[in-house]
């Protein structure tokens, strides 16, 4: 029997009350215990009542079952009573594992066993902090700043200490702060921002960022600002090889360098989730590859592991970038001189070849091309693949859905099967790529997949994951292992 209007409203208000009560618990876990809680990888830190409700509702799209606040509220309250040490905890996955493997234990008994290594350690964080310098403060630089400020927590892990830019005007500092505060694509900064003209600093949500003006990456004394052994993230794209990027290492206070673009020569191109374990302590300079490479490589690995890829073509429908002209004007590149706001522009992409740098088993198997389109953000990769083993649309979609939920690639691969989604729906996605299940085409050994990706924010999230790997500041993650049922679902 359907609910009456009054009962629907009563149910909604009850759920609102549960979500409201969760907010201070989530906050205390974060501030007092250094515990970051999430739902299928979507952080709950500093989220509103409505966003918490939406996160629970979103779980239905992922696992076909809506996540009930009646389950997560007591789970959070129990976590808060365990005096936990630092960790990243996915309450949706933890709740599912309790339901499948609780074996009659109470919720507290299950959680004590599952989180045994951090129970009773009250905020203990064995991670050392790593100073971070953003060299350049463009689209990616500012999004990295937002993410690092969001992750500041108790000061452990990655600490944003400075940005380096060329002075653009007398009021350069206020303009830089304004660009951090307001973004036409990603919206307003969530928090407060203040500037100190005398000290040349921007303070965002308590994070004090030194603004350094320089034209030369090799002559900056970072130690003069109290910065040491820093990880410099070069997001200018000006230098792409080891020789150019090694200029940073000549500056006092720099230990390592990360490039937010495809690296040239022998530089390691890292796609987190695929080959991040290839980073060694001796690697002084590393590349985080490109947004497109990050979007497609995890999906390609998943498909290759299960069905085998003989060969394929990658076509990207990519939002325009600052490298193109707004109106027709000279450009050294072919076609890129034509107006980005008015045209679809055929251009080249190295993403297909770059996949092999992270996933050598696909060497020589992929070709690629790109069409730039008049949208400011969110792109689409179309993977046209020939497989070794045939499959069906349902089989491949179910497999990729499970991979997005329960595999080691769950931070990279997302999945959606809504008939109404368009590109703007994926602005702010924290996954590297989102498989559009309804668009999948499968005829035996021929497979076409459509993968959306926020080429700015989703890529920036991948860059931060590589930074955390380079700095060795990843907190323990729970549940540490998937449930037996989840692993079985992936294997089927």
Protein backbone atom coordinates (compact mmCIF):
# COMPACT_ATOMS: atom_id res chain seq x y z
CA UNK A 1 0.00 0.00 0.00
CA UNK A 2 1.37 3.42 -0.96
CA UNK A 3 2.21 5.95 1.71
CA UNK A 4 0.04 8.98 2.37
CA UNK A 5 1.43 12.50 1.93
CA UNK A 6 1.68 12.92 5.69
CA UNK A 7 3.50 9.62 6.22
CA UNK A 8 5.96 10.41 3.40
CA UNK A 9 6.79 13.72 5.04
CA UNK A 10 7.11 12.10 8.46
CA UNK A 11 9.53 9.53 7.03
CA UNK A 12 11.57 12.26 5.37
CA UNK A 13 11.76 14.33 8.54
CA UNK A 14 12.88 11.27 10.47
CA UNK A 15 15.69 10.69 7.99
CA UNK A 16 16.65 14.36 8.19
CA UNK A 17 16.89 14.09 11.98
CA UNK A 18 19.19 11.05 11.69
CA UNK A 19 21.43 12.84 9.17
CA UNK A 20 21.59 15.97 11.34
CA UNK A 21 22.64 13.88 14.32
CA UNK A 22 25.43 12.30 12.27
CA UNK A 23 27.15 15.61 11.49
CA UNK A 24 28.73 16.23 14.92
CA UNK A 25 29.77 12.57 15.16
CA UNK A 26 31.49 12.76 11.76
CA UNK A 27 33.15 16.01 12.88
CA UNK A 28 34.43 14.60 16.17
CA UNK A 29 35.84 11.51 14.49
CA UNK A 30 37.70 13.78 12.07
CA UNK A 31 39.01 16.37 14.56
CA UNK A 32 39.71 14.17 17.57
CA UNK A 33 40.63 10.87 15.93
CA UNK A 34 41.89 11.83 12.44
CA UNK A 35 39.26 9.49 10.99
CA UNK A 36 37.89 10.36 7.55
CA UNK A 37 34.51 8.73 6.92
CA UNK A 38 33.00 8.17 3.48
CA UNK A 39 30.25 6.37 1.56
CA UNK A 40 31.61 4.44 -1.40
CA UNK A 41 34.57 6.81 -1.50
CA UNK A 42 32.51 10.00 -1.11
CA UNK A 43 33.79 11.90 1.90
CA UNK A 44 31.32 12.91 4.61
CA UNK A 45 33.60 15.55 6.12
CA UNK A 46 32.04 19.03 6.33
CA UNK A 47 28.92 17.88 4.48
CA UNK A 48 25.43 19.26 5.05
CA UNK A 49 22.39 17.28 6.14
CA UNK A 50 21.16 17.22 2.55
CA UNK A 51 24.51 16.03 1.18
CA UNK A 52 24.59 13.20 3.71
CA UNK A 53 21.09 12.15 2.64
CA UNK A 54 22.12 12.31 -1.02
CA UNK A 55 25.20 10.20 -0.34
CA UNK A 56 23.02 7.51 1.21
CA UNK A 57 20.63 7.67 -1.73
CA UNK A 58 23.55 7.51 -4.16
CA UNK A 59 24.55 4.14 -2.74
CA UNK A 60 21.46 2.70 -4.43
CA UNK A 61 22.94 3.56 -7.83
CA UNK A 62 26.11 1.74 -6.88
CA UNK A 63 24.86 -1.40 -5.15
CA UNK A 64 21.15 -1.45 -6.13
CA UNK A 65 20.22 -1.12 -2.45
CA UNK A 66 19.72 2.20 -0.70
CA UNK A 67 21.99 2.66 2.28
CA UNK A 68 19.80 3.14 5.35
CA UNK A 69 20.56 5.83 7.90
CA UNK A 70 19.04 3.46 10.45
CA UNK A 71 22.13 1.30 9.79
CA UNK A 72 24.84 3.94 9.41
CA UNK A 73 23.84 6.17 12.35
CA UNK A 74 24.44 3.47 15.00
CA UNK A 75 27.57 2.37 13.13
CA UNK A 76 29.01 5.90 13.35
CA UNK A 77 28.06 6.22 17.01
CA UNK A 78 29.78 2.93 17.77
CA UNK A 79 32.91 4.05 15.90
CA UNK A 80 32.96 7.23 17.98
CA UNK A 81 33.08 5.15 21.16
CA UNK A 82 36.07 3.04 20.10
CA UNK A 83 38.71 5.76 20.62
CA UNK A 84 40.16 5.15 17.15
CA UNK A 85 43.49 6.11 15.66
CA UNK A 86 43.87 7.75 12.25
CA UNK A 87 42.12 5.94 9.39
CA UNK A 88 39.93 6.23 6.32
CA UNK A 89 36.67 4.34 6.89
CA UNK A 90 34.03 3.62 4.25
CA UNK A 91 30.87 3.14 6.32
CA UNK A 92 28.87 1.77 3.37
CA UNK A 93 31.33 -1.03 2.72
CA UNK A 94 31.79 -1.64 6.43
CA UNK A 95 28.02 -1.90 6.90
CA UNK A 96 27.74 -4.35 4.02
CA UNK A 97 30.52 -6.51 5.42
CA UNK A 98 28.85 -6.56 8.85
CA UNK A 99 25.58 -7.74 7.31
CA UNK A 100 27.30 -10.46 5.29
CA UNK A 101 29.94 -11.64 7.79
CA UNK A 102 28.73 -10.52 11.23
CA UNK A 103 28.03 -14.14 12.19
CA UNK A 104 25.81 -13.17 15.10
CA UNK A 105 28.28 -10.71 16.62
CA UNK A 106 27.03 -7.39 17.91
CA UNK A 107 27.94 -4.31 15.90
CA UNK A 108 30.52 -3.27 18.49
CA UNK A 109 32.08 -6.74 18.58
CA UNK A 110 32.34 -6.78 14.79
CA UNK A 111 33.87 -3.30 14.61
CA UNK A 112 36.37 -4.01 17.38
CA UNK A 113 37.58 -7.05 15.47
CA UNK A 114 37.56 -5.37 12.06
CA UNK A 115 39.38 -2.24 13.28
CA UNK A 116 41.57 -3.94 15.88
CA UNK A 117 44.79 -2.23 14.78
CA UNK A 118 43.45 1.27 15.52
CA UNK A 119 40.99 0.66 18.40
CA UNK A 120 41.98 2.54 21.56
CA UNK A 121 44.71 4.58 19.86
CA UNK A 122 42.78 7.90 20.03
CA UNK A 123 43.95 9.98 17.11
CA UNK A 124 47.36 8.34 16.92
CA UNK A 125 48.82 9.06 13.51
CA UNK A 126 52.09 7.45 12.54
CA UNK A 127 52.29 9.47 9.33
CA UNK A 128 54.91 12.18 9.06
CA UNK A 129 53.87 15.46 7.49
CA UNK A 130 55.23 16.44 4.08
CA UNK A 131 55.55 20.04 2.91
CA UNK A 132 53.96 20.68 -0.48
CA UNK A 133 54.69 23.50 -2.92
CA UNK A 134 52.44 24.15 -5.90
CA UNK A 135 54.55 25.53 -8.73
CA UNK A 136 51.90 27.28 -10.82
CA UNK A 137 48.37 28.18 -9.78
CA UNK A 138 46.19 27.56 -12.82
CA UNK A 139 43.19 25.25 -13.24
CA UNK A 140 44.86 22.16 -11.76
CA UNK A 141 46.93 24.09 -9.21
CA UNK A 142 43.89 25.75 -7.63
CA UNK A 143 41.92 22.49 -7.51
CA UNK A 144 44.90 20.77 -5.88
CA UNK A 145 44.94 23.59 -3.33
CA UNK A 146 41.25 23.03 -2.55
CA UNK A 147 41.83 19.29 -2.08
CA UNK A 148 44.91 19.76 0.10
CA UNK A 149 43.11 22.31 2.28
CA UNK A 150 40.17 19.91 2.59
CA UNK A 151 42.55 17.16 3.71
CA UNK A 152 44.51 19.33 6.16
CA UNK A 153 42.87 17.68 9.19
CA UNK A 154 45.18 17.75 12.20
CA UNK A 155 48.21 18.75 10.15
CA UNK A 156 49.39 15.24 9.32
CA UNK A 157 50.01 14.02 5.79
CA UNK A 158 50.36 16.54 2.96
CA UNK A 159 50.76 20.15 4.14
CA UNK A 160 50.29 22.86 1.55
CA UNK A 161 52.94 25.44 2.43
CA UNK A 162 53.42 27.61 -0.66
CA UNK A 163 52.52 28.43 -4.22
CA UNK A 164 54.96 29.85 -6.75
CA UNK A 165 53.77 32.17 -9.50
CA UNK A 166 54.98 35.03 -11.68
CA UNK A 167 53.69 38.38 -10.49
CA UNK A 168 50.93 39.46 -12.84
CA UNK A 169 49.92 42.84 -11.38
CA UNK A 170 50.23 45.12 -8.38
CA UNK A 171 47.18 43.45 -6.82
CA UNK A 172 48.36 39.96 -7.76
CA UNK A 173 47.78 38.48 -4.29
CA UNK A 174 44.13 39.50 -4.06
CA UNK A 175 43.50 38.24 -7.60
CA UNK A 176 45.07 34.84 -6.79
CA UNK A 177 42.91 34.60 -3.66
CA UNK A 178 39.81 35.56 -5.63
CA UNK A 179 40.45 32.82 -8.18
CA UNK A 180 40.78 30.31 -5.35
CA UNK A 181 37.58 31.62 -3.76
CA UNK A 182 35.42 31.63 -6.92
CA UNK A 183 35.37 29.16 -9.80
CA UNK A 184 32.98 29.31 -12.75
CA UNK A 185 32.96 25.52 -13.10
CA UNK A 186 33.48 24.12 -9.62
CA UNK A 187 31.69 26.77 -7.58
CA UNK A 188 32.70 28.70 -4.51
CA UNK A 189 35.40 27.60 -2.11
CA UNK A 190 33.86 25.94 0.95
CA UNK A 191 35.26 28.01 3.77
CA UNK A 192 36.96 31.32 4.47
CA UNK A 193 39.93 32.94 2.76
CA UNK A 194 42.04 35.84 4.04
CA UNK A 195 45.10 37.54 2.59
CA UNK A 196 48.05 39.28 4.24
CA UNK A 197 49.59 41.73 1.78
CA UNK A 198 52.58 42.41 3.98
CA UNK A 199 53.50 38.74 4.49
CA UNK A 200 52.35 37.69 0.99
CA UNK A 201 50.17 34.90 2.36
CA UNK A 202 46.75 33.43 1.72
CA UNK A 203 45.09 31.72 4.68
CA UNK A 204 42.29 29.32 3.71
CA UNK A 205 40.41 27.46 6.46
CA UNK A 206 43.39 27.94 8.75
CA UNK A 207 45.96 26.75 6.19
CA UNK A 208 48.58 29.48 5.74
CA UNK A 209 49.96 29.47 2.20
CA UNK A 210 53.05 31.48 1.33
CA UNK A 211 52.86 33.10 -2.10
CA UNK A 212 56.32 33.21 -3.68
CA UNK A 213 56.97 35.25 -6.81
CA UNK A 214 59.65 33.80 -9.07
CA UNK A 215 60.48 33.21 -12.72
CA UNK A 216 63.20 30.64 -12.04
CA UNK A 217 62.49 27.22 -10.47
CA UNK A 218 66.17 26.70 -9.66
CA UNK A 219 66.89 29.70 -7.43
CA UNK A 220 64.18 29.71 -4.73
CA UNK A 221 65.24 29.25 -1.13
CA UNK A 222 62.22 27.50 0.35
CA UNK A 223 63.99 27.02 3.66
CA UNK A 224 63.73 30.78 4.20
CA UNK A 225 59.99 30.19 4.60
CA UNK A 226 60.44 27.22 6.95
CA UNK A 227 59.84 24.73 4.16
CA UNK A 228 62.03 21.65 3.97
CA UNK A 229 62.16 18.35 2.06
CA UNK A 230 59.23 19.59 0.02
CA UNK A 231 57.31 17.85 -2.71
CA UNK A 232 57.03 20.37 -5.54
CA UNK A 233 54.05 19.84 -7.82
CA UNK A 234 54.74 21.46 -11.20
CA UNK A 235 51.39 22.16 -12.84
CA UNK A 236 52.65 24.71 -15.38
CA UNK A 237 53.29 22.13 -18.11
CA UNK A 238 56.31 24.19 -19.16
CA UNK A 239 58.81 21.40 -18.54
CA UNK A 240 57.99 17.77 -19.29
CA UNK A 241 61.34 15.96 -19.14
CA UNK A 242 63.79 15.13 -16.37
CA UNK A 243 66.26 17.82 -17.43
CA UNK A 244 63.74 20.64 -17.24
CA UNK A 245 62.01 19.45 -14.08
CA UNK A 246 65.33 18.84 -12.29
CA UNK A 247 65.68 22.62 -12.03
CA UNK A 248 63.34 22.40 -9.05
CA UNK A 249 65.78 20.11 -7.26
CA UNK A 250 68.43 22.85 -7.36
CA UNK A 251 66.33 25.02 -5.04
CA UNK A 252 66.97 24.79 -1.29
CA UNK A 253 64.33 22.77 0.56
CA UNK A 254 63.11 20.57 -2.34
CA UNK A 255 63.21 16.77 -2.12
CA UNK A 256 60.97 15.54 -4.95
CA UNK A 257 59.01 16.76 -7.96
CA UNK A 258 55.67 15.67 -9.43
CA UNK A 259 54.56 16.75 -12.91
CA UNK A 260 50.82 17.10 -13.61
CA UNK A 261 51.15 16.27 -17.30
CA UNK A 262 52.48 13.36 -19.37
CA UNK A 263 56.21 13.00 -18.81
CA UNK A 264 58.69 12.63 -21.64
CA UNK A 265 61.71 10.39 -21.93
CA UNK A 266 62.31 7.89 -19.14
CA UNK A 267 60.11 9.58 -16.55
CA UNK A 268 57.70 7.23 -14.84
CA UNK A 269 54.10 8.04 -15.82
CA UNK A 270 52.00 7.01 -12.83
CA UNK A 271 48.28 6.26 -12.91
CA UNK A 272 47.21 5.70 -9.34
CA UNK A 273 45.50 2.35 -8.91
CA UNK A 274 47.52 0.85 -11.76
CA UNK A 275 51.25 1.33 -11.25
CA UNK A 276 51.59 3.58 -8.19
CA UNK A 277 53.55 0.85 -6.44
CA UNK A 278 56.30 1.39 -9.03
CA UNK A 279 57.24 4.60 -7.22
CA UNK A 280 60.42 4.05 -5.23
CA UNK A 281 62.22 6.15 -2.64
CA UNK A 282 64.91 6.88 -5.23
CA UNK A 283 62.46 8.47 -7.70
CA UNK A 284 63.10 12.20 -7.43
CA UNK A 285 60.86 13.19 -10.39
CA UNK A 286 57.59 11.48 -11.34
CA UNK A 287 54.74 12.26 -13.76
CA UNK A 288 51.03 11.83 -12.95
CA UNK A 289 50.30 11.30 -16.67
CA UNK A 290 47.28 13.02 -18.29
CA UNK A 291 43.62 13.31 -17.34
CA UNK A 292 42.59 11.05 -20.23
CA UNK A 293 45.24 8.42 -19.44
CA UNK A 294 44.03 8.37 -15.84
CA UNK A 295 40.40 8.04 -16.96
CA UNK A 296 40.79 5.15 -19.38
CA UNK A 297 43.67 3.05 -18.02
CA UNK A 298 41.78 1.62 -14.99
CA UNK A 299 38.79 0.63 -17.16
CA UNK A 300 41.09 -0.88 -19.78
CA UNK A 301 42.92 -2.88 -17.12
CA UNK A 302 39.63 -4.21 -15.74
CA UNK A 303 38.47 -5.27 -19.20
CA UNK A 304 41.83 -6.72 -20.19
CA UNK A 305 42.09 -8.75 -16.99
CA UNK A 306 38.72 -10.43 -17.53
CA UNK A 307 38.15 -10.52 -21.28
CA UNK A 308 41.51 -9.75 -22.89
CA UNK A 309 42.03 -6.85 -25.28
CA UNK A 310 43.33 -7.66 -28.78
CA UNK A 311 43.30 -4.07 -30.01
CA UNK A 312 41.21 -0.94 -29.72
CA UNK A 313 40.69 2.71 -30.60
CA UNK A 314 40.15 5.49 -28.06
CA UNK A 315 38.23 8.58 -29.19
CA UNK A 316 38.02 11.39 -26.65
CA UNK A 317 35.40 14.12 -26.77
CA UNK A 318 37.33 16.62 -24.68
CA UNK A 319 36.40 19.98 -23.20
CA UNK A 320 38.44 22.90 -24.48
CA UNK A 321 41.46 24.04 -22.48
CA UNK A 322 43.57 27.17 -22.03
CA UNK A 323 45.88 25.90 -24.76
CA UNK A 324 43.25 26.84 -27.37
CA UNK A 325 42.20 30.28 -28.57
CA UNK A 326 38.83 31.72 -27.58
CA UNK A 327 38.58 33.37 -31.01
CA UNK A 328 40.47 32.66 -34.22
CA UNK A 329 44.12 33.65 -33.90
CA UNK A 330 47.58 32.29 -34.60
CA UNK A 331 48.48 29.05 -32.81
CA UNK A 332 51.55 26.91 -33.43
CA UNK A 333 49.40 23.76 -33.25
CA UNK A 334 47.17 22.53 -36.06
CA UNK A 335 43.52 23.68 -35.78
CA UNK A 336 43.94 24.89 -32.18
CA UNK A 337 44.06 28.47 -33.39
CA UNK A 338 40.37 28.30 -34.30
CA UNK A 339 37.80 29.47 -31.76
CA UNK A 340 37.41 26.92 -28.94
CA UNK A 341 34.07 28.42 -27.96
CA UNK A 342 32.53 28.02 -31.42
CA UNK A 343 34.00 24.86 -32.91
CA UNK A 344 34.55 21.17 -32.53
CA UNK A 345 38.28 20.79 -33.14
CA UNK A 346 39.95 17.57 -34.25
CA UNK A 347 43.31 17.23 -32.57
CA UNK A 348 45.80 14.62 -31.52
CA UNK A 349 46.03 12.81 -28.19
CA UNK A 350 48.88 10.78 -26.82
CA UNK A 351 46.66 9.11 -24.23
CA UNK A 352 46.27 5.82 -26.10
CA UNK A 353 50.03 5.33 -26.38
CA UNK A 354 50.56 6.65 -22.85
CA UNK A 355 48.36 3.87 -21.44
CA UNK A 356 51.17 1.41 -22.18
CA UNK A 357 53.55 3.33 -19.91
CA UNK A 358 51.33 2.44 -16.98
CA UNK A 359 49.95 -0.83 -18.40
CA UNK A 360 52.67 -2.47 -20.55
CA UNK A 361 50.46 -5.40 -21.56
CA UNK A 362 48.55 -3.03 -23.86
CA UNK A 363 51.67 -1.82 -25.67
CA UNK A 364 50.95 -1.39 -29.38
CA UNK A 365 47.30 -2.39 -29.01
CA UNK A 366 45.65 1.04 -28.91
CA UNK A 367 45.25 4.02 -31.23
CA UNK A 368 43.65 7.32 -30.29
CA UNK A 369 42.38 10.69 -31.43
CA UNK A 370 40.49 13.58 -29.88
CA UNK A 371 37.81 16.14 -30.61
CA UNK A 372 37.84 19.32 -28.52
CA UNK A 373 34.31 20.63 -27.93
CA UNK A 374 32.85 23.92 -26.60
CA UNK A 375 32.33 22.86 -22.98
CA UNK A 376 34.55 24.06 -20.08
CA UNK A 377 34.89 20.77 -18.20
CA UNK A 378 34.03 17.04 -18.22
CA UNK A 379 35.07 14.91 -21.14
CA UNK A 380 34.06 11.57 -22.63
CA UNK A 381 36.26 8.69 -23.78
CA UNK A 382 34.81 6.17 -26.21
CA UNK A 383 36.65 2.84 -26.05
CA UNK A 384 36.10 0.69 -29.14
CA UNK A 385 37.67 -2.65 -28.27
CA UNK A 386 38.15 -6.06 -29.85
CA UNK A 387 38.27 -8.74 -27.15
CA UNK A 388 39.82 -12.17 -26.89
CA UNK A 389 36.73 -13.51 -25.12
CA UNK A 390 33.17 -12.55 -26.02
CA UNK A 391 30.78 -11.00 -23.56
CA UNK A 392 27.35 -9.42 -23.29
CA UNK A 393 26.26 -5.95 -22.28
CA UNK A 394 24.80 -7.20 -19.01
CA UNK A 395 27.86 -9.24 -18.14
CA UNK A 396 30.37 -6.45 -18.75
CA UNK A 397 28.20 -3.85 -17.02
CA UNK A 398 27.68 -6.01 -13.93
CA UNK A 399 31.41 -6.69 -13.83
CA UNK A 400 32.35 -3.01 -14.05
CA UNK A 401 29.72 -2.10 -11.45
CA UNK A 402 31.25 -4.60 -9.02
CA UNK A 403 34.75 -3.34 -9.84
CA UNK A 404 33.62 0.19 -8.95
CA UNK A 405 32.36 -1.04 -5.59
CA UNK A 406 34.67 -3.74 -4.34
CA UNK A 407 37.94 -3.93 -6.28
CA UNK A 408 41.32 -2.26 -5.80
CA UNK A 409 40.22 0.12 -8.58
CA UNK A 410 37.17 1.45 -6.73
CA UNK A 411 38.84 4.85 -6.23
CA UNK A 412 39.38 5.11 -9.98
CA UNK A 413 36.31 3.52 -11.61
CA UNK A 414 32.77 4.74 -11.09
CA UNK A 415 29.61 3.39 -12.70
CA UNK A 416 26.22 4.86 -13.58
CA UNK A 417 23.19 3.62 -15.50
CA UNK A 418 20.85 6.60 -15.47
CA UNK A 419 19.13 7.41 -18.80
CA UNK A 420 19.23 11.17 -18.09
CA UNK A 421 22.84 12.01 -17.21
CA UNK A 422 24.85 14.50 -19.27
CA UNK A 423 28.35 15.94 -18.92
CA UNK A 424 27.59 18.56 -16.26
CA UNK A 425 26.36 15.83 -13.91
CA UNK A 426 29.96 14.71 -13.50
CA UNK A 427 31.50 18.03 -12.52
CA UNK A 428 33.30 17.39 -9.23
CA UNK A 429 33.52 13.61 -9.61
CA UNK A 430 36.42 12.25 -7.55
CA UNK A 431 36.84 9.12 -9.63
CA UNK A 432 39.19 9.00 -12.60
CA UNK A 433 36.44 7.75 -14.94
CA UNK A 434 32.72 6.91 -14.83
CA UNK A 435 31.40 4.07 -16.99
CA UNK A 436 28.02 4.93 -18.57
CA UNK A 437 26.39 1.50 -18.44
CA UNK A 438 23.36 2.33 -20.61
CA UNK A 439 25.64 3.42 -23.45
CA UNK A 440 27.62 0.15 -23.48
CA UNK A 441 27.49 -1.76 -26.77
CA UNK A 442 28.55 -5.40 -26.82
CA UNK A 443 28.37 -7.87 -29.69
CA UNK A 444 30.36 -10.90 -28.70
CA UNK A 445 34.02 -9.87 -29.06
CA UNK A 446 33.33 -6.28 -30.07
CA UNK A 447 32.84 -3.90 -27.13
CA UNK A 448 32.21 -0.16 -27.00
CA UNK A 449 32.40 1.59 -23.64
CA UNK A 450 31.62 5.23 -22.85
CA UNK A 451 33.64 6.66 -19.97
CA UNK A 452 32.92 10.14 -18.58
CA UNK A 453 35.60 12.00 -16.65
CA UNK A 454 36.01 15.35 -14.96
CA UNK A 455 39.26 16.21 -16.69
CA UNK A 456 40.00 18.83 -14.02
CA UNK A 457 38.73 17.68 -10.63
CA UNK A 458 38.79 13.91 -11.15
CA UNK A 459 42.33 14.19 -12.46
CA UNK A 460 43.34 16.40 -9.52
CA UNK A 461 42.09 13.69 -7.13
CA UNK A 462 44.35 11.20 -8.90
CA UNK A 463 47.28 13.62 -8.58
CA UNK A 464 46.71 13.91 -4.83
CA UNK A 465 46.67 10.11 -4.55
CA UNK A 466 50.06 9.98 -6.28
CA UNK A 467 51.33 12.72 -3.95
CA UNK A 468 50.22 10.69 -0.93
CA UNK A 469 52.02 7.66 -2.34
CA UNK A 470 55.25 9.62 -2.96
CA UNK A 471 55.11 11.06 0.56
CA UNK A 472 54.08 7.77 2.20
CA UNK A 473 51.22 9.44 4.06
CA UNK A 474 48.28 7.16 3.28
CA UNK A 475 46.30 6.34 6.44
CA UNK A 476 45.09 2.75 6.98
CA UNK A 477 41.85 2.10 5.10
CA UNK A 478 38.88 0.07 6.33
CA UNK A 479 37.42 -2.36 5.65
CA UNK A 480 40.88 -3.62 4.74
CA UNK A 481 39.46 -6.56 2.82
CA UNK A 482 36.28 -7.01 0.85
CA UNK A 483 33.64 -9.43 2.02
CA UNK A 484 33.67 -12.92 0.52
CA UNK A 485 30.39 -12.17 -1.27
CA UNK A 486 31.83 -9.03 -2.88
CA UNK A 487 34.95 -10.83 -4.08
CA UNK A 488 32.79 -13.63 -5.49
CA UNK A 489 30.68 -11.10 -7.40
CA UNK A 490 33.80 -9.69 -9.11
CA UNK A 491 35.07 -13.16 -10.00
CA UNK A 492 31.83 -14.29 -11.62
